[in-house]
């Protein structure tokens, strides 16, 4: 497995049981502290607007440092999500794991997370962790967002319906970080360059993306064939990122 710098999710992954189909890690403290996007991050995280339905309420995430969402049995009737948070304000239905780490679970899942043993957690899933590491640049010092996923037939069926496409990936990994610019690398397995290019172009054409002025760098993202699939590399330069932040601040969420 490639060696990479530790990021915020590394401390939380051992709290989760193995077998997740999708893992999303958010370094909220890193996003808040970033000079380029910190104002937007603070408004979204702490200002009352939860950006993802699966994330706990915004009030619970105020002052939170990191969040990891792990989705299990995606595309099946027993699908469920575990959300581990470091810091923040534990809600009434949150389960405390330590003084500053807590978890939100679907009903009946608390016992599974409390029973996670050392050496038998999501962090010990070698295949998933290898994909997670490989997509992160070796020289990167951190990450604002990391994603790792593998999709079985049920999950791929759901993805084909959601994406309205005949192609669906078997695995995915992504890394994103922000300095004065924004850089992201997304690796998708089991589909070809044409499919990933099509998804890139659809994202670039989304109304909100156009309103923020981010269509040109997304449309220009390089997509190359790699490791049985394709990898897209996105870079949003400092000037364009600053203008996008200014537009968001001036007009709110587009």
C-alpha atoms as a PDB file:
ATOM      1  CA  UNK A   1       0.000   0.000   0.000  1.00  0.00           C
ATOM      2  CA  UNK A   2       1.390   3.457  -0.856  1.00  0.00           C
ATOM      3  CA  UNK A   3       2.540   5.585   2.077  1.00  0.00           C
ATOM      4  CA  UNK A   4       0.662   8.858   2.392  1.00  0.00           C
ATOM      5  CA  UNK A   5       0.422  11.657   4.948  1.00  0.00           C
ATOM      6  CA  UNK A   6      -2.167  11.055   7.645  1.00  0.00           C
ATOM      7  CA  UNK A   7      -5.393  12.992   7.215  1.00  0.00           C
ATOM      8  CA  UNK A   8      -8.307  13.680   9.560  1.00  0.00           C
ATOM      9  CA  UNK A   9     -10.169  10.488   8.711  1.00  0.00           C
ATOM     10  CA  UNK A  10      -7.289   8.218   9.723  1.00  0.00           C
ATOM     11  CA  UNK A  11      -8.126   8.632  13.410  1.00  0.00           C
ATOM     12  CA  UNK A  12     -11.805   7.802  12.838  1.00  0.00           C
ATOM     13  CA  UNK A  13     -11.669   4.873  10.404  1.00  0.00           C
ATOM     14  CA  UNK A  14     -10.667   2.403  13.174  1.00  0.00           C
ATOM     15  CA  UNK A  15     -13.992   3.211  14.870  1.00  0.00           C
ATOM     16  CA  UNK A  16     -15.992   1.782  11.975  1.00  0.00           C
ATOM     17  CA  UNK A  17     -16.800  -1.863  11.217  1.00  0.00           C
ATOM     18  CA  UNK A  18     -15.441  -3.365   7.982  1.00  0.00           C
ATOM     19  CA  UNK A  19     -17.520  -3.939   4.866  1.00  0.00           C
ATOM     20  CA  UNK A  20     -18.460  -0.370   3.887  1.00  0.00           C
ATOM     21  CA  UNK A  21     -19.271   0.198   0.237  1.00  0.00           C
ATOM     22  CA  UNK A  22     -18.668   3.957   0.379  1.00  0.00           C
ATOM     23  CA  UNK A  23     -16.538   6.065   2.729  1.00  0.00           C
ATOM     24  CA  UNK A  24     -16.462   9.875   2.693  1.00  0.00           C
ATOM     25  CA  UNK A  25     -14.013  11.763   4.921  1.00  0.00           C
ATOM     26  CA  UNK A  26     -14.309  15.514   5.559  1.00  0.00           C
ATOM     27  CA  UNK A  27     -11.658  17.558   7.370  1.00  0.00           C
ATOM     28  CA  UNK A  28     -13.898  20.363   8.590  1.00  0.00           C
ATOM     29  CA  UNK A  29     -11.169  22.084  10.591  1.00  0.00           C
ATOM     30  CA  UNK A  30      -8.887  22.177   7.546  1.00  0.00           C
ATOM     31  CA  UNK A  31     -11.643  23.647   5.371  1.00  0.00           C
ATOM     32  CA  UNK A  32     -12.544  26.317   7.938  1.00  0.00           C
ATOM     33  CA  UNK A  33      -8.908  27.364   8.327  1.00  0.00           C
ATOM     34  CA  UNK A  34      -8.193  27.655   4.605  1.00  0.00           C
ATOM     35  CA  UNK A  35      -7.665  31.286   3.501  1.00  0.00           C
ATOM     36  CA  UNK A  36      -9.284  30.712   0.098  1.00  0.00           C
ATOM     37  CA  UNK A  37     -12.504  28.881   1.029  1.00  0.00           C
ATOM     38  CA  UNK A  38     -12.647  29.210   4.812  1.00  0.00           C
ATOM     39  CA  UNK A  39     -15.426  31.817   4.811  1.00  0.00           C
ATOM     40  CA  UNK A  40     -17.641  29.599   2.664  1.00  0.00           C
ATOM     41  CA  UNK A  41     -16.788  26.520   4.727  1.00  0.00           C
ATOM     42  CA  UNK A  42     -17.632  28.294   7.981  1.00  0.00           C
ATOM     43  CA  UNK A  43     -20.925  29.520   6.555  1.00  0.00           C
ATOM     44  CA  UNK A  44     -21.925  26.069   5.325  1.00  0.00           C
ATOM     45  CA  UNK A  45     -20.702  24.060   8.323  1.00  0.00           C
ATOM     46  CA  UNK A  46     -21.495  26.463  11.141  1.00  0.00           C
ATOM     47  CA  UNK A  47     -24.073  28.765   9.648  1.00  0.00           C
ATOM     48  CA  UNK A  48     -27.118  26.546   9.460  1.00  0.00           C
ATOM     49  CA  UNK A  49     -26.939  24.942   6.009  1.00  0.00           C
ATOM     50  CA  UNK A  50     -26.172  21.213   5.951  1.00  0.00           C
ATOM     51  CA  UNK A  51     -24.774  20.428   2.467  1.00  0.00           C
ATOM     52  CA  UNK A  52     -25.426  16.676   2.496  1.00  0.00           C
ATOM     53  CA  UNK A  53     -28.595  15.000   3.720  1.00  0.00           C
ATOM     54  CA  UNK A  54     -26.653  12.174   5.402  1.00  0.00           C
ATOM     55  CA  UNK A  55     -24.535  14.574   7.476  1.00  0.00           C
ATOM     56  CA  UNK A  56     -25.842  15.396  10.957  1.00  0.00           C
ATOM     57  CA  UNK A  57     -27.617  18.705  11.505  1.00  0.00           C
ATOM     58  CA  UNK A  58     -25.520  21.826  11.121  1.00  0.00           C
ATOM     59  CA  UNK A  59     -25.916  22.594  14.813  1.00  0.00           C
ATOM     60  CA  UNK A  60     -24.248  19.277  15.680  1.00  0.00           C
ATOM     61  CA  UNK A  61     -21.317  20.045  13.381  1.00  0.00           C
ATOM     62  CA  UNK A  62     -20.553  23.497  14.751  1.00  0.00           C
ATOM     63  CA  UNK A  63     -16.961  23.270  16.054  1.00  0.00           C
ATOM     64  CA  UNK A  64     -16.590  19.696  14.749  1.00  0.00           C
ATOM     65  CA  UNK A  65     -13.120  18.901  13.434  1.00  0.00           C
ATOM     66  CA  UNK A  66     -13.778  15.905  11.182  1.00  0.00           C
ATOM     67  CA  UNK A  67     -16.564  13.675   9.874  1.00  0.00           C
ATOM     68  CA  UNK A  68     -16.458  10.211   8.293  1.00  0.00           C
ATOM     69  CA  UNK A  69     -19.568   8.757   6.653  1.00  0.00           C
ATOM     70  CA  UNK A  70     -19.568   5.042   5.883  1.00  0.00           C
ATOM     71  CA  UNK A  71     -22.385   3.527   3.833  1.00  0.00           C
ATOM     72  CA  UNK A  72     -23.063  -0.212   3.983  1.00  0.00           C
ATOM     73  CA  UNK A  73     -25.142  -2.526   1.749  1.00  0.00           C
ATOM     74  CA  UNK A  74     -25.663   0.240  -0.814  1.00  0.00           C
ATOM     75  CA  UNK A  75     -28.545  -0.523  -3.161  1.00  0.00           C
ATOM     76  CA  UNK A  76     -30.092  -3.155  -0.860  1.00  0.00           C
ATOM     77  CA  UNK A  77     -33.042  -3.001   1.554  1.00  0.00           C
ATOM     78  CA  UNK A  78     -30.673  -3.256   4.537  1.00  0.00           C
ATOM     79  CA  UNK A  79     -28.612  -0.243   3.447  1.00  0.00           C
ATOM     80  CA  UNK A  80     -27.457   1.943   6.333  1.00  0.00           C
ATOM     81  CA  UNK A  81     -24.957   4.688   7.096  1.00  0.00           C
ATOM     82  CA  UNK A  82     -22.711   5.275  10.098  1.00  0.00           C
ATOM     83  CA  UNK A  83     -21.486   8.826  10.691  1.00  0.00           C
ATOM     84  CA  UNK A  84     -18.516   9.325  13.034  1.00  0.00           C
ATOM     85  CA  UNK A  85     -17.737  12.855  14.199  1.00  0.00           C
ATOM     86  CA  UNK A  86     -14.779  14.269  16.077  1.00  0.00           C
ATOM     87  CA  UNK A  87     -15.681  17.346  18.101  1.00  0.00           C
ATOM     88  CA  UNK A  88     -18.876  19.269  17.550  1.00  0.00           C
ATOM     89  CA  UNK A  89     -21.993  18.928  19.665  1.00  0.00           C
ATOM     90  CA  UNK A  90     -23.253  15.385  20.112  1.00  0.00           C
ATOM     91  CA  UNK A  91     -27.025  15.274  19.511  1.00  0.00           C
ATOM     92  CA  UNK A  92     -29.360  13.372  21.767  1.00  0.00           C
ATOM     93  CA  UNK A  93     -29.397  10.344  19.461  1.00  0.00           C
ATOM     94  CA  UNK A  94     -25.603  10.315  19.048  1.00  0.00           C
ATOM     95  CA  UNK A  95     -23.599   7.537  20.709  1.00  0.00           C
ATOM     96  CA  UNK A  96     -20.455   8.653  22.549  1.00  0.00           C
ATOM     97  CA  UNK A  97     -17.307   6.692  21.691  1.00  0.00           C
ATOM     98  CA  UNK A  98     -14.849   8.917  23.581  1.00  0.00           C
ATOM     99  CA  UNK A  99     -15.040  12.365  25.139  1.00  0.00           C
ATOM    100  CA  UNK A 100     -14.822  14.044  21.723  1.00  0.00           C
ATOM    101  CA  UNK A 101     -15.822  11.316  19.238  1.00  0.00           C
ATOM    102  CA  UNK A 102     -19.410  10.266  18.671  1.00  0.00           C
ATOM    103  CA  UNK A 103     -21.448   8.429  16.076  1.00  0.00           C
ATOM    104  CA  UNK A 104     -24.885   8.663  14.515  1.00  0.00           C
ATOM    105  CA  UNK A 105     -26.314   5.311  13.477  1.00  0.00           C
ATOM    106  CA  UNK A 106     -29.469   3.871  12.061  1.00  0.00           C
ATOM    107  CA  UNK A 107     -31.655   2.154  14.631  1.00  0.00           C
ATOM    108  CA  UNK A 108     -30.071  -1.061  15.867  1.00  0.00           C
ATOM    109  CA  UNK A 109     -26.580  -0.338  14.503  1.00  0.00           C
ATOM    110  CA  UNK A 110     -25.028   1.089  17.685  1.00  0.00           C
ATOM    111  CA  UNK A 111     -24.027  -2.337  18.965  1.00  0.00           C
ATOM    112  CA  UNK A 112     -22.042  -3.052  15.796  1.00  0.00           C
ATOM    113  CA  UNK A 113     -19.935   0.069  16.079  1.00  0.00           C
ATOM    114  CA  UNK A 114     -19.354  -0.335  19.793  1.00  0.00           C
ATOM    115  CA  UNK A 115     -18.118  -3.879  19.150  1.00  0.00           C
ATOM    116  CA  UNK A 116     -15.417  -2.922  16.631  1.00  0.00           C
ATOM    117  CA  UNK A 117     -12.184  -4.558  17.749  1.00  0.00           C
ATOM    118  CA  UNK A 118      -8.606  -3.456  17.076  1.00  0.00           C
ATOM    119  CA  UNK A 119      -7.336  -5.015  13.865  1.00  0.00           C
ATOM    120  CA  UNK A 120     -10.861  -5.719  12.583  1.00  0.00           C
ATOM    121  CA  UNK A 121     -12.109  -2.303  11.521  1.00  0.00           C
ATOM    122  CA  UNK A 122     -12.665  -0.445   8.285  1.00  0.00           C
ATOM    123  CA  UNK A 123      -9.078   0.802   8.571  1.00  0.00           C
ATOM    124  CA  UNK A 124      -7.935  -2.815   8.123  1.00  0.00           C
ATOM    125  CA  UNK A 125      -9.754  -3.259   4.801  1.00  0.00           C
ATOM    126  CA  UNK A 126      -6.592  -3.553   2.698  1.00  0.00           C
ATOM    127  CA  UNK A 127      -8.189  -3.226  -0.747  1.00  0.00           C
ATOM    128  CA  UNK A 128     -10.267  -0.176   0.115  1.00  0.00           C
ATOM    129  CA  UNK A 129      -7.423   1.524   1.966  1.00  0.00           C
ATOM    130  CA  UNK A 130      -5.006   0.852  -0.918  1.00  0.00           C
ATOM    131  CA  UNK A 131      -7.317   2.566  -3.406  1.00  0.00           C
ATOM    132  CA  UNK A 132      -7.808   5.435  -0.952  1.00  0.00           C
ATOM    133  CA  UNK A 133      -4.053   5.900  -0.645  1.00  0.00           C
ATOM    134  CA  UNK A 134      -3.166   5.486  -4.314  1.00  0.00           C
ATOM    135  CA  UNK A 135      -5.320   8.370  -5.537  1.00  0.00           C
ATOM    136  CA  UNK A 136      -3.720  10.853  -3.094  1.00  0.00           C
ATOM    137  CA  UNK A 137      -0.524  12.445  -4.455  1.00  0.00           C
ATOM    138  CA  UNK A 138       2.602  11.229  -2.695  1.00  0.00           C
ATOM    139  CA  UNK A 139       3.712  14.803  -1.972  1.00  0.00           C
ATOM    140  CA  UNK A 140       0.353  15.964  -0.601  1.00  0.00           C
ATOM    141  CA  UNK A 141       0.489  17.134   3.003  1.00  0.00           C
ATOM    142  CA  UNK A 142      -3.209  16.635   3.711  1.00  0.00           C
ATOM    143  CA  UNK A 143      -6.712  16.419   2.321  1.00  0.00           C
ATOM    144  CA  UNK A 144      -9.929  18.319   2.778  1.00  0.00           C
ATOM    145  CA  UNK A 145     -12.005  15.482   1.302  1.00  0.00           C
ATOM    146  CA  UNK A 146     -11.227  11.824   0.651  1.00  0.00           C
ATOM    147  CA  UNK A 147     -13.568   9.221  -0.839  1.00  0.00           C
ATOM    148  CA  UNK A 148     -13.199   5.474  -1.338  1.00  0.00           C
ATOM    149  CA  UNK A 149     -15.858   3.113  -2.647  1.00  0.00           C
ATOM    150  CA  UNK A 150     -16.436  -0.270  -4.241  1.00  0.00           C
ATOM    151  CA  UNK A 151     -19.783  -1.193  -5.789  1.00  0.00           C
ATOM    152  CA  UNK A 152     -21.411  -4.601  -6.045  1.00  0.00           C
ATOM    153  CA  UNK A 153     -24.131  -5.454  -8.557  1.00  0.00           C
ATOM    154  CA  UNK A 154     -26.929  -3.935  -6.443  1.00  0.00           C
ATOM    155  CA  UNK A 155     -25.047  -0.688  -5.960  1.00  0.00           C
ATOM    156  CA  UNK A 156     -24.082  -0.488  -9.627  1.00  0.00           C
ATOM    157  CA  UNK A 157     -27.688  -0.958 -10.640  1.00  0.00           C
ATOM    158  CA  UNK A 158     -28.649   1.994  -8.475  1.00  0.00           C
ATOM    159  CA  UNK A 159     -25.809   4.092  -9.878  1.00  0.00           C
ATOM    160  CA  UNK A 160     -26.872   3.381 -13.452  1.00  0.00           C
ATOM    161  CA  UNK A 161     -30.363   4.607 -12.613  1.00  0.00           C
ATOM    162  CA  UNK A 162     -29.093   7.685 -10.762  1.00  0.00           C
ATOM    163  CA  UNK A 163     -26.595   8.606 -13.474  1.00  0.00           C
ATOM    164  CA  UNK A 164     -28.984   7.677 -16.292  1.00  0.00           C
ATOM    165  CA  UNK A 165     -26.210   5.763 -18.000  1.00  0.00           C
ATOM    166  CA  UNK A 166     -25.406   2.247 -19.109  1.00  0.00           C
ATOM    167  CA  UNK A 167     -22.001   2.422 -17.403  1.00  0.00           C
ATOM    168  CA  UNK A 168     -21.411   2.171 -13.665  1.00  0.00           C
ATOM    169  CA  UNK A 169     -18.076   1.935 -11.845  1.00  0.00           C
ATOM    170  CA  UNK A 170     -16.959  -1.036  -9.808  1.00  0.00           C
ATOM    171  CA  UNK A 171     -14.767   1.156  -7.575  1.00  0.00           C
ATOM    172  CA  UNK A 172     -13.918   4.790  -7.002  1.00  0.00           C
ATOM    173  CA  UNK A 173     -11.423   6.853  -5.037  1.00  0.00           C
ATOM    174  CA  UNK A 174     -11.024  10.620  -4.780  1.00  0.00           C
ATOM    175  CA  UNK A 175      -8.763  13.160  -3.111  1.00  0.00           C
ATOM    176  CA  UNK A 176      -9.362  16.908  -2.864  1.00  0.00           C
ATOM    177  CA  UNK A 177      -7.457  19.656  -1.108  1.00  0.00           C
ATOM    178  CA  UNK A 178      -7.355  23.430  -1.105  1.00  0.00           C
ATOM    179  CA  UNK A 179      -4.431  25.814  -0.721  1.00  0.00           C
ATOM    180  CA  UNK A 180      -4.821  29.069  -2.655  1.00  0.00           C
ATOM    181  CA  UNK A 181      -6.035  26.848  -5.485  1.00  0.00           C
ATOM    182  CA  UNK A 182      -8.153  23.695  -5.462  1.00  0.00           C
ATOM    183  CA  UNK A 183      -6.948  20.343  -6.743  1.00  0.00           C
ATOM    184  CA  UNK A 184      -8.843  17.067  -7.032  1.00  0.00           C
ATOM    185  CA  UNK A 185      -8.023  13.619  -8.405  1.00  0.00           C
ATOM    186  CA  UNK A 186     -10.763  11.076  -9.056  1.00  0.00           C
ATOM    187  CA  UNK A 187     -10.073   7.482 -10.077  1.00  0.00           C
ATOM    188  CA  UNK A 188     -12.962   5.373 -11.386  1.00  0.00           C
ATOM    189  CA  UNK A 189     -12.589   1.641 -12.070  1.00  0.00           C
ATOM    190  CA  UNK A 190     -14.612  -0.506 -14.450  1.00  0.00           C
ATOM    191  CA  UNK A 191     -15.521   2.226 -16.954  1.00  0.00           C
ATOM    192  CA  UNK A 192     -13.639   3.778 -19.850  1.00  0.00           C
ATOM    193  CA  UNK A 193     -12.342   7.276 -20.512  1.00  0.00           C
ATOM    194  CA  UNK A 194     -15.418   8.120 -22.583  1.00  0.00           C
ATOM    195  CA  UNK A 195     -17.800   7.468 -19.682  1.00  0.00           C
ATOM    196  CA  UNK A 196     -15.762   9.551 -17.226  1.00  0.00           C
ATOM    197  CA  UNK A 197     -15.402  12.354 -19.770  1.00  0.00           C
ATOM    198  CA  UNK A 198     -19.169  12.372 -20.206  1.00  0.00           C
ATOM    199  CA  UNK A 199     -19.743  12.653 -16.447  1.00  0.00           C
ATOM    200  CA  UNK A 200     -17.159  15.448 -16.281  1.00  0.00           C
ATOM    201  CA  UNK A 201     -18.982  17.365 -18.996  1.00  0.00           C
ATOM    202  CA  UNK A 202     -22.353  16.885 -17.308  1.00  0.00           C
ATOM    203  CA  UNK A 203     -20.952  18.230 -14.046  1.00  0.00           C
ATOM    204  CA  UNK A 204     -19.423  21.215 -15.836  1.00  0.00           C
ATOM    205  CA  UNK A 205     -22.847  22.048 -17.303  1.00  0.00           C
ATOM    206  CA  UNK A 206     -24.720  22.058 -13.969  1.00  0.00           C
ATOM    207  CA  UNK A 207     -26.425  25.416 -13.373  1.00  0.00           C
ATOM    208  CA  UNK A 208     -24.788  25.996  -9.991  1.00  0.00           C
ATOM    209  CA  UNK A 209     -21.358  25.234 -11.429  1.00  0.00           C
ATOM    210  CA  UNK A 210     -21.912  27.698 -14.267  1.00  0.00           C
ATOM    211  CA  UNK A 211     -23.139  30.366 -11.837  1.00  0.00           C
ATOM    212  CA  UNK A 212     -19.913  30.118  -9.849  1.00  0.00           C
ATOM    213  CA  UNK A 213     -17.811  30.372 -12.991  1.00  0.00           C
ATOM    214  CA  UNK A 214     -16.301  26.909 -12.542  1.00  0.00           C
ATOM    215  CA  UNK A 215     -17.367  25.398 -15.861  1.00  0.00           C
ATOM    216  CA  UNK A 216     -14.097  26.125 -17.750  1.00  0.00           C
ATOM    217  CA  UNK A 217     -11.697  24.351 -15.352  1.00  0.00           C
ATOM    218  CA  UNK A 218     -14.061  21.402 -14.945  1.00  0.00           C
ATOM    219  CA  UNK A 219     -14.560  21.063 -18.695  1.00  0.00           C
ATOM    220  CA  UNK A 220     -10.777  21.223 -19.113  1.00  0.00           C
ATOM    221  CA  UNK A 221     -10.074  18.530 -16.494  1.00  0.00           C
ATOM    222  CA  UNK A 222      -7.717  15.920 -17.899  1.00  0.00           C
ATOM    223  CA  UNK A 223      -9.117  12.389 -18.138  1.00  0.00           C
ATOM    224  CA  UNK A 224      -6.694   9.537 -18.834  1.00  0.00           C
ATOM    225  CA  UNK A 225      -6.929   5.756 -18.866  1.00  0.00           C
ATOM    226  CA  UNK A 226      -5.396   4.248 -15.722  1.00  0.00           C
ATOM    227  CA  UNK A 227      -5.529   1.011 -13.705  1.00  0.00           C
ATOM    228  CA  UNK A 228      -8.465  -0.608 -15.464  1.00  0.00           C
ATOM    229  CA  UNK A 229     -10.510   2.565 -15.547  1.00  0.00           C
ATOM    230  CA  UNK A 230      -9.894   6.286 -15.817  1.00  0.00           C
ATOM    231  CA  UNK A 231      -8.528   9.131 -13.709  1.00  0.00           C
ATOM    232  CA  UNK A 232      -9.675  12.752 -13.863  1.00  0.00           C
ATOM    233  CA  UNK A 233      -7.480  15.569 -12.558  1.00  0.00           C
ATOM    234  CA  UNK A 234      -9.131  18.895 -11.765  1.00  0.00           C
ATOM    235  CA  UNK A 235      -7.305  22.119 -10.917  1.00  0.00           C
ATOM    236  CA  UNK A 236      -9.050  25.400 -10.142  1.00  0.00           C
ATOM    237  CA  UNK A 237      -6.517  28.221 -10.066  1.00  0.00           C
ATOM    238  CA  UNK A 238      -6.286  30.855  -7.334  1.00  0.00           C
ATOM    239  CA  UNK A 239      -7.931  33.657  -9.318  1.00  0.00           C
ATOM    240  CA  UNK A 240     -10.903  31.626 -10.482  1.00  0.00           C
ATOM    241  CA  UNK A 241     -11.355  30.051  -7.043  1.00  0.00           C
ATOM    242  CA  UNK A 242     -11.329  33.508  -5.416  1.00  0.00           C
ATOM    243  CA  UNK A 243     -13.942  34.742  -7.886  1.00  0.00           C
ATOM    244  CA  UNK A 244     -16.119  31.689  -7.228  1.00  0.00           C
ATOM    245  CA  UNK A 245     -15.943  32.325  -3.478  1.00  0.00           C
ATOM    246  CA  UNK A 246     -16.823  35.989  -4.022  1.00  0.00           C
ATOM    247  CA  UNK A 247     -19.836  35.019  -6.142  1.00  0.00           C
ATOM    248  CA  UNK A 248     -21.016  32.574  -3.488  1.00  0.00           C
ATOM    249  CA  UNK A 249     -20.655  35.207  -0.774  1.00  0.00           C
ATOM    250  CA  UNK A 250     -22.435  37.849  -2.852  1.00  0.00           C
ATOM    251  CA  UNK A 251     -25.380  35.750  -3.904  1.00  0.00           C
ATOM    252  CA  UNK A 252     -25.509  32.818  -1.487  1.00  0.00           C
ATOM    253  CA  UNK A 253     -25.809  29.266  -2.758  1.00  0.00           C
ATOM    254  CA  UNK A 254     -26.553  29.609  -6.513  1.00  0.00           C
END
